[in-house]
């Protein structure tokens, strides 16, 4: 069973399934995140929708590049969660199936190419307070616990 975070499912709404791939990108004690300006400013894990015919890992590389300008390496699956949400940028109610990966940020190639996004480094221990959605916060907390144990 896949864990659900966020709002309760509304039975009066038809949700479109939206699979996505998202990255926890730690470097030392910092985490690379994206700030999405619209529809409201939110700190998020870089990532997004998996296009038809695209693998989750290919989507992850593409989305991280678009939202942060960074190339990544060695992605490994860390977990999956669902959330039911309205996506105003698409005027769509979605069941988001979010696959979370841990990857290594390798090199900044330039600024983000996706409008309204900027890349930021935050302390890993602050991510649980700063990330906008509860699923991202959950997995960031798990990462922080893992890093703390490994020290």
N, C-alpha and C. Protein backbone atom coordinates (compact mmCIF):
# COMPACT_ATOMS: atom_id res chain seq x y z
N UNK A 1 0.84 -1.18 0.00
CA UNK A 1 0.00 0.00 0.00
C UNK A 1 0.89 1.24 0.00
N UNK A 2 0.52 2.22 -0.79
CA UNK A 2 1.28 3.46 -0.91
C UNK A 2 0.69 4.48 0.06
N UNK A 3 1.56 5.07 0.85
CA UNK A 3 1.13 6.04 1.85
C UNK A 3 0.58 7.29 1.18
N UNK A 4 -0.46 7.86 1.77
CA UNK A 4 -1.07 9.09 1.27
C UNK A 4 -0.79 10.23 2.23
N UNK A 5 -0.49 11.40 1.67
CA UNK A 5 -0.28 12.61 2.46
C UNK A 5 -1.21 13.70 1.95
N UNK A 6 -1.50 14.65 2.81
CA UNK A 6 -2.25 15.83 2.38
C UNK A 6 -3.74 15.69 2.54
N UNK A 7 -4.44 16.41 1.68
CA UNK A 7 -5.89 16.53 1.73
C UNK A 7 -6.58 15.17 1.56
N UNK A 8 -7.73 15.05 2.17
CA UNK A 8 -8.56 13.85 2.00
C UNK A 8 -9.10 13.81 0.58
N UNK A 9 -9.35 12.61 0.09
CA UNK A 9 -9.93 12.42 -1.23
C UNK A 9 -11.36 12.94 -1.21
N UNK A 10 -11.70 13.73 -2.21
CA UNK A 10 -13.07 14.22 -2.37
C UNK A 10 -13.78 13.32 -3.36
N UNK A 11 -14.90 12.78 -2.96
CA UNK A 11 -15.62 11.83 -3.81
C UNK A 11 -16.45 12.51 -4.88
N UNK A 12 -16.57 13.83 -4.83
CA UNK A 12 -17.31 14.57 -5.85
C UNK A 12 -16.40 15.03 -6.99
N UNK A 13 -15.14 14.62 -6.96
CA UNK A 13 -14.16 15.06 -7.96
C UNK A 13 -13.58 13.85 -8.66
N UNK A 14 -13.37 14.00 -9.96
CA UNK A 14 -12.68 12.97 -10.74
C UNK A 14 -11.21 13.41 -10.86
N UNK A 15 -10.31 12.60 -10.34
CA UNK A 15 -8.89 12.92 -10.33
C UNK A 15 -8.18 12.25 -11.51
N UNK A 16 -7.29 13.00 -12.14
CA UNK A 16 -6.44 12.43 -13.19
C UNK A 16 -5.17 11.92 -12.52
N UNK A 17 -4.76 10.72 -12.86
CA UNK A 17 -3.53 10.17 -12.29
C UNK A 17 -2.32 10.86 -12.92
N UNK A 18 -1.41 11.36 -12.07
CA UNK A 18 -0.23 12.08 -12.53
C UNK A 18 1.01 11.48 -11.87
N UNK A 19 1.67 10.52 -12.51
CA UNK A 19 2.91 9.99 -11.94
C UNK A 19 4.03 11.03 -12.07
N UNK A 20 4.87 11.08 -11.06
CA UNK A 20 5.98 12.03 -11.08
C UNK A 20 7.19 11.47 -10.37
N UNK A 21 8.34 12.08 -10.65
CA UNK A 21 9.61 11.70 -10.03
C UNK A 21 10.22 12.96 -9.40
N UNK A 22 10.66 12.83 -8.16
CA UNK A 22 11.16 13.96 -7.38
C UNK A 22 12.46 13.57 -6.69
N UNK A 23 13.33 14.56 -6.47
CA UNK A 23 14.68 14.26 -5.98
C UNK A 23 14.99 14.92 -4.65
N UNK A 24 15.55 14.11 -3.76
CA UNK A 24 16.27 14.60 -2.59
C UNK A 24 17.72 14.70 -3.04
N UNK A 25 18.29 15.90 -2.99
CA UNK A 25 19.63 16.15 -3.53
C UNK A 25 20.55 16.68 -2.45
N UNK A 26 21.03 15.80 -1.57
CA UNK A 26 21.91 16.25 -0.49
C UNK A 26 23.35 16.42 -0.96
N UNK A 27 24.01 17.40 -0.41
CA UNK A 27 25.44 17.60 -0.60
C UNK A 27 25.99 18.03 0.75
N UNK A 28 26.66 17.10 1.44
CA UNK A 28 27.08 17.38 2.81
C UNK A 28 25.84 17.51 3.68
N UNK A 29 25.71 18.65 4.34
CA UNK A 29 24.57 18.89 5.23
C UNK A 29 23.52 19.80 4.59
N UNK A 30 23.66 20.03 3.29
CA UNK A 30 22.71 20.89 2.58
C UNK A 30 21.89 20.09 1.59
N UNK A 31 20.74 20.64 1.22
CA UNK A 31 19.83 20.00 0.29
C UNK A 31 19.48 21.01 -0.80
N UNK A 32 19.60 20.58 -2.06
CA UNK A 32 19.24 21.43 -3.20
C UNK A 32 17.74 21.32 -3.42
N UNK A 33 17.06 22.46 -3.40
CA UNK A 33 15.61 22.52 -3.59
C UNK A 33 15.28 23.56 -4.67
N UNK A 34 14.04 23.60 -5.06
CA UNK A 34 13.59 24.62 -5.99
C UNK A 34 12.52 25.47 -5.33
N UNK A 35 12.57 26.76 -5.61
CA UNK A 35 11.51 27.68 -5.18
C UNK A 35 10.66 27.94 -6.41
N UNK A 36 9.39 27.52 -6.34
CA UNK A 36 8.44 27.77 -7.43
C UNK A 36 7.62 28.99 -7.04
N UNK A 37 7.66 30.02 -7.87
CA UNK A 37 7.01 31.30 -7.54
C UNK A 37 5.49 31.27 -7.66
N UNK A 38 4.95 30.54 -8.63
CA UNK A 38 3.52 30.58 -8.93
C UNK A 38 2.88 29.21 -8.69
N UNK A 39 1.65 29.09 -8.32
CA UNK A 39 0.69 30.17 -8.07
C UNK A 39 0.94 30.89 -6.76
N UNK A 40 1.72 30.28 -5.87
CA UNK A 40 2.18 30.94 -4.65
C UNK A 40 3.59 30.44 -4.40
N UNK A 41 4.45 31.25 -3.80
CA UNK A 41 5.83 30.78 -3.57
C UNK A 41 5.86 29.55 -2.66
N UNK A 42 6.57 28.51 -3.14
CA UNK A 42 6.71 27.26 -2.39
C UNK A 42 8.10 26.69 -2.59
N UNK A 43 8.67 26.20 -1.51
CA UNK A 43 9.91 25.44 -1.61
C UNK A 43 9.52 23.99 -1.82
N UNK A 44 10.09 23.38 -2.87
CA UNK A 44 9.72 22.03 -3.26
C UNK A 44 10.95 21.20 -3.55
N UNK A 45 10.76 19.88 -3.52
CA UNK A 45 11.79 19.01 -4.07
C UNK A 45 11.74 19.17 -5.59
N UNK A 46 12.89 19.25 -6.25
CA UNK A 46 12.88 19.33 -7.71
C UNK A 46 12.28 18.05 -8.29
N UNK A 47 11.49 18.22 -9.31
CA UNK A 47 10.88 17.08 -9.97
C UNK A 47 9.56 17.46 -10.58
N UNK A 48 8.90 16.47 -11.15
CA UNK A 48 7.61 16.73 -11.76
C UNK A 48 7.12 15.53 -12.53
N UNK A 49 6.17 15.81 -13.40
CA UNK A 49 5.46 14.76 -14.12
C UNK A 49 6.34 13.94 -15.05
N UNK A 50 5.98 12.68 -15.12
CA UNK A 50 6.63 11.75 -16.05
C UNK A 50 5.82 11.78 -17.34
N UNK A 51 6.47 12.16 -18.43
CA UNK A 51 5.79 12.23 -19.73
C UNK A 51 5.48 10.83 -20.25
N UNK A 52 4.43 10.71 -21.08
CA UNK A 52 4.12 9.39 -21.67
C UNK A 52 5.35 8.82 -22.40
N UNK A 53 5.64 7.54 -22.12
CA UNK A 53 6.78 6.88 -22.74
C UNK A 53 8.11 7.16 -22.08
N UNK A 54 8.13 8.00 -21.07
CA UNK A 54 9.37 8.38 -20.38
C UNK A 54 9.52 7.54 -19.12
N UNK A 55 10.74 7.12 -18.80
CA UNK A 55 10.96 6.38 -17.56
C UNK A 55 11.04 7.37 -16.39
N UNK A 56 10.77 6.90 -15.17
CA UNK A 56 10.88 7.79 -14.02
C UNK A 56 12.27 8.42 -13.87
N UNK A 57 13.33 7.65 -14.12
CA UNK A 57 14.69 8.19 -13.95
C UNK A 57 15.00 9.24 -15.03
N UNK A 58 14.55 9.00 -16.26
CA UNK A 58 14.73 9.99 -17.32
C UNK A 58 13.99 11.28 -16.97
N UNK A 59 12.76 11.14 -16.48
CA UNK A 59 11.98 12.31 -16.06
C UNK A 59 12.67 13.04 -14.92
N UNK A 60 13.24 12.29 -13.99
CA UNK A 60 13.93 12.90 -12.86
C UNK A 60 15.09 13.77 -13.34
N UNK A 61 15.92 13.23 -14.22
CA UNK A 61 17.05 14.01 -14.75
C UNK A 61 16.55 15.28 -15.45
N UNK A 62 15.53 15.14 -16.29
CA UNK A 62 14.99 16.28 -17.03
C UNK A 62 14.42 17.33 -16.09
N UNK A 63 13.60 16.90 -15.16
CA UNK A 63 12.94 17.84 -14.25
C UNK A 63 13.94 18.56 -13.34
N UNK A 64 14.92 17.83 -12.82
CA UNK A 64 15.93 18.47 -11.96
C UNK A 64 16.69 19.54 -12.76
N UNK A 65 17.05 19.21 -14.00
CA UNK A 65 17.75 20.18 -14.84
C UNK A 65 16.88 21.41 -15.09
N UNK A 66 15.61 21.18 -15.44
CA UNK A 66 14.72 22.30 -15.73
C UNK A 66 14.51 23.20 -14.52
N UNK A 67 14.40 22.60 -13.32
CA UNK A 67 14.02 23.37 -12.13
C UNK A 67 15.19 23.88 -11.31
N UNK A 68 16.40 23.32 -11.54
CA UNK A 68 17.56 23.77 -10.75
C UNK A 68 18.76 24.16 -11.60
N UNK A 69 18.85 23.64 -12.81
CA UNK A 69 20.04 23.86 -13.64
C UNK A 69 21.18 22.91 -13.32
N UNK A 70 20.93 21.92 -12.48
CA UNK A 70 21.97 20.98 -12.05
C UNK A 70 21.83 19.63 -12.75
N UNK A 71 22.97 19.03 -13.04
CA UNK A 71 23.03 17.64 -13.49
C UNK A 71 23.17 16.78 -12.24
N UNK A 72 22.54 15.59 -12.26
CA UNK A 72 22.60 14.69 -11.11
C UNK A 72 23.16 13.34 -11.53
N UNK A 73 23.56 12.55 -10.53
CA UNK A 73 24.10 11.21 -10.78
C UNK A 73 23.59 10.25 -9.71
N UNK A 74 23.64 8.98 -10.04
CA UNK A 74 23.39 7.86 -9.13
C UNK A 74 22.03 7.94 -8.41
N UNK A 75 20.94 8.21 -9.15
CA UNK A 75 19.64 8.22 -8.46
C UNK A 75 19.26 6.82 -7.98
N UNK A 76 18.73 6.77 -6.76
CA UNK A 76 18.20 5.52 -6.24
C UNK A 76 16.86 5.78 -5.58
N UNK A 77 15.94 4.86 -5.83
CA UNK A 77 14.58 5.02 -5.32
C UNK A 77 14.59 5.00 -3.81
N UNK A 78 13.86 5.93 -3.19
CA UNK A 78 13.84 6.08 -1.74
C UNK A 78 12.44 5.82 -1.16
N UNK A 79 11.42 6.02 -1.98
CA UNK A 79 10.06 5.79 -1.51
C UNK A 79 9.04 6.38 -2.46
N UNK A 80 7.76 6.13 -2.16
CA UNK A 80 6.67 6.60 -3.01
C UNK A 80 5.53 7.04 -2.11
N UNK A 81 4.84 8.10 -2.52
CA UNK A 81 3.63 8.51 -1.81
C UNK A 81 2.62 9.06 -2.82
N UNK A 82 1.36 9.15 -2.34
CA UNK A 82 0.29 9.72 -3.14
C UNK A 82 -0.24 10.95 -2.45
N UNK A 83 -0.73 11.87 -3.28
CA UNK A 83 -1.49 12.98 -2.72
C UNK A 83 -2.51 13.43 -3.75
N UNK A 84 -3.64 13.88 -3.26
CA UNK A 84 -4.74 14.32 -4.10
C UNK A 84 -4.81 15.84 -3.97
N UNK A 85 -4.71 16.52 -5.13
CA UNK A 85 -4.50 17.96 -5.07
C UNK A 85 -5.05 18.63 -6.34
N UNK A 86 -5.43 19.89 -6.19
CA UNK A 86 -5.78 20.69 -7.36
C UNK A 86 -4.51 21.36 -7.87
N UNK A 87 -4.28 21.27 -9.17
CA UNK A 87 -3.10 21.87 -9.80
C UNK A 87 -3.57 23.06 -10.65
N UNK A 88 -3.53 24.28 -10.08
CA UNK A 88 -4.08 25.43 -10.81
C UNK A 88 -3.37 25.73 -12.12
N UNK A 89 -2.06 25.41 -12.20
CA UNK A 89 -1.32 25.68 -13.44
C UNK A 89 -1.83 24.84 -14.61
N UNK A 90 -2.51 23.73 -14.30
CA UNK A 90 -3.10 22.86 -15.33
C UNK A 90 -4.63 22.84 -15.27
N UNK A 91 -5.22 23.57 -14.31
CA UNK A 91 -6.65 23.54 -14.06
C UNK A 91 -7.12 22.08 -13.97
N UNK A 92 -6.48 21.32 -13.05
CA UNK A 92 -6.65 19.88 -13.00
C UNK A 92 -6.64 19.38 -11.56
N UNK A 93 -7.58 18.51 -11.25
CA UNK A 93 -7.54 17.77 -9.99
C UNK A 93 -6.74 16.51 -10.27
N UNK A 94 -5.72 16.26 -9.45
CA UNK A 94 -4.80 15.16 -9.75
C UNK A 94 -4.59 14.25 -8.55
N UNK A 95 -4.45 12.97 -8.86
CA UNK A 95 -3.90 12.01 -7.92
C UNK A 95 -2.43 11.91 -8.30
N UNK A 96 -1.58 12.57 -7.52
CA UNK A 96 -0.16 12.57 -7.82
C UNK A 96 0.49 11.35 -7.17
N UNK A 97 1.13 10.54 -7.99
CA UNK A 97 1.87 9.38 -7.52
C UNK A 97 3.33 9.79 -7.58
N UNK A 98 3.90 10.13 -6.43
CA UNK A 98 5.22 10.76 -6.33
C UNK A 98 6.28 9.74 -5.96
N UNK A 99 7.19 9.47 -6.90
CA UNK A 99 8.32 8.59 -6.64
C UNK A 99 9.49 9.47 -6.20
N UNK A 100 10.03 9.18 -5.02
CA UNK A 100 11.11 9.97 -4.46
C UNK A 100 12.42 9.22 -4.65
N UNK A 101 13.42 9.94 -5.14
CA UNK A 101 14.76 9.40 -5.36
C UNK A 101 15.76 10.24 -4.57
N UNK A 102 16.84 9.59 -4.15
CA UNK A 102 18.01 10.31 -3.64
C UNK A 102 19.03 10.27 -4.77
N UNK A 103 19.60 11.42 -5.07
CA UNK A 103 20.62 11.50 -6.12
C UNK A 103 21.70 12.48 -5.68
N UNK A 104 22.80 12.43 -6.37
CA UNK A 104 23.94 13.30 -6.05
C UNK A 104 23.96 14.46 -7.04
N UNK A 105 23.87 15.70 -6.55
CA UNK A 105 24.05 16.84 -7.44
C UNK A 105 25.51 16.89 -7.88
N UNK A 106 25.74 16.88 -9.19
CA UNK A 106 27.10 16.75 -9.71
C UNK A 106 27.66 18.09 -10.17
N UNK A 107 26.85 18.82 -10.94
CA UNK A 107 27.40 20.03 -11.53
C UNK A 107 26.29 20.97 -11.95
N UNK A 108 26.47 22.24 -11.64
CA UNK A 108 25.53 23.27 -12.08
C UNK A 108 25.90 23.66 -13.51
N UNK A 109 24.94 23.50 -14.42
CA UNK A 109 25.19 23.83 -15.81
C UNK A 109 24.67 25.22 -16.18
N UNK A 110 23.87 25.80 -15.33
CA UNK A 110 23.31 27.12 -15.59
C UNK A 110 22.09 27.33 -14.72
N UNK A 111 21.38 28.42 -14.96
CA UNK A 111 20.17 28.68 -14.17
C UNK A 111 19.05 27.74 -14.61
N UNK A 112 18.01 27.61 -13.78
CA UNK A 112 16.86 26.80 -14.18
C UNK A 112 16.27 27.32 -15.49
N UNK A 113 15.78 26.41 -16.32
CA UNK A 113 15.16 26.80 -17.58
C UNK A 113 13.65 26.90 -17.47
N UNK A 114 13.09 26.38 -16.40
CA UNK A 114 11.64 26.46 -16.21
C UNK A 114 11.30 27.79 -15.55
N UNK A 115 10.42 28.54 -16.21
CA UNK A 115 10.03 29.85 -15.69
C UNK A 115 9.49 29.74 -14.27
N UNK A 116 9.81 30.73 -13.46
CA UNK A 116 9.27 30.78 -12.11
C UNK A 116 9.94 29.86 -11.11
N UNK A 117 11.08 29.26 -11.48
CA UNK A 117 11.81 28.38 -10.56
C UNK A 117 13.20 28.95 -10.31
N UNK A 118 13.67 28.79 -9.09
CA UNK A 118 15.05 29.13 -8.76
C UNK A 118 15.59 28.07 -7.81
N UNK A 119 16.89 27.80 -7.93
CA UNK A 119 17.54 26.77 -7.12
C UNK A 119 18.09 27.38 -5.85
N UNK A 120 17.97 26.64 -4.74
CA UNK A 120 18.44 27.12 -3.44
C UNK A 120 19.00 25.95 -2.65
N UNK A 121 19.99 26.24 -1.83
CA UNK A 121 20.54 25.27 -0.89
C UNK A 121 20.01 25.60 0.50
N UNK A 122 19.46 24.58 1.16
CA UNK A 122 18.97 24.75 2.53
C UNK A 122 19.60 23.67 3.40
N UNK A 123 19.71 23.91 4.71
CA UNK A 123 20.20 22.85 5.59
C UNK A 123 19.24 21.66 5.57
N UNK A 124 19.78 20.46 5.50
CA UNK A 124 18.93 19.26 5.46
C UNK A 124 17.99 19.24 6.66
N UNK A 125 18.48 19.63 7.83
CA UNK A 125 17.63 19.56 9.02
C UNK A 125 16.49 20.57 8.98
N UNK A 126 16.56 21.60 8.14
CA UNK A 126 15.50 22.59 8.02
C UNK A 126 14.45 22.20 6.98
N UNK A 127 14.74 21.21 6.16
CA UNK A 127 13.85 20.86 5.05
C UNK A 127 12.45 20.47 5.52
N UNK A 128 12.37 19.77 6.64
CA UNK A 128 11.07 19.33 7.14
C UNK A 128 10.18 20.52 7.51
N UNK A 129 10.78 21.66 7.81
CA UNK A 129 10.00 22.86 8.13
C UNK A 129 9.73 23.72 6.91
N UNK A 130 10.57 23.62 5.88
CA UNK A 130 10.49 24.55 4.76
C UNK A 130 9.76 24.00 3.53
N UNK A 131 9.80 22.70 3.32
CA UNK A 131 9.16 22.12 2.13
C UNK A 131 7.65 22.27 2.22
N UNK A 132 7.03 22.52 1.07
CA UNK A 132 5.62 22.90 1.04
C UNK A 132 4.64 21.75 1.27
N UNK A 133 4.98 20.54 0.86
CA UNK A 133 3.97 19.49 1.02
C UNK A 133 4.41 18.42 2.02
N UNK A 134 3.44 17.81 2.69
CA UNK A 134 3.78 16.88 3.78
C UNK A 134 4.52 15.62 3.32
N UNK A 135 4.29 15.15 2.10
CA UNK A 135 5.03 13.99 1.61
C UNK A 135 6.51 14.31 1.44
N UNK A 136 6.81 15.47 0.83
CA UNK A 136 8.21 15.89 0.70
C UNK A 136 8.86 16.03 2.08
N UNK A 137 8.13 16.62 3.03
CA UNK A 137 8.67 16.80 4.39
C UNK A 137 8.97 15.46 5.03
N UNK A 138 8.07 14.49 4.85
CA UNK A 138 8.27 13.16 5.42
C UNK A 138 9.58 12.54 4.92
N UNK A 139 9.79 12.56 3.60
CA UNK A 139 10.99 11.93 3.05
C UNK A 139 12.25 12.73 3.36
N UNK A 140 12.14 14.04 3.47
CA UNK A 140 13.29 14.85 3.89
C UNK A 140 13.67 14.53 5.33
N UNK A 141 12.68 14.30 6.17
CA UNK A 141 12.95 13.90 7.56
C UNK A 141 13.64 12.55 7.61
N UNK A 142 13.17 11.61 6.78
CA UNK A 142 13.82 10.29 6.73
C UNK A 142 15.28 10.43 6.28
N UNK A 143 15.53 11.29 5.30
CA UNK A 143 16.90 11.52 4.83
C UNK A 143 17.75 12.11 5.95
N UNK A 144 17.23 13.11 6.66
CA UNK A 144 17.97 13.72 7.75
C UNK A 144 18.31 12.69 8.83
N UNK A 145 17.36 11.82 9.16
CA UNK A 145 17.60 10.77 10.15
C UNK A 145 18.70 9.82 9.66
N UNK A 146 18.66 9.48 8.40
CA UNK A 146 19.67 8.59 7.81
C UNK A 146 21.05 9.26 7.87
N UNK A 147 21.13 10.51 7.49
CA UNK A 147 22.42 11.24 7.52
C UNK A 147 22.94 11.33 8.95
N UNK A 148 22.04 11.60 9.89
CA UNK A 148 22.42 11.71 11.32
C UNK A 148 22.97 10.38 11.85
N UNK A 149 22.35 9.27 11.47
CA UNK A 149 22.81 7.95 11.91
C UNK A 149 24.19 7.63 11.33
N UNK A 150 24.43 8.06 10.07
CA UNK A 150 25.67 7.74 9.38
C UNK A 150 26.86 8.57 9.87
N UNK A 151 26.60 9.62 10.61
CA UNK A 151 27.70 10.49 11.10
C UNK A 151 28.50 9.83 12.17
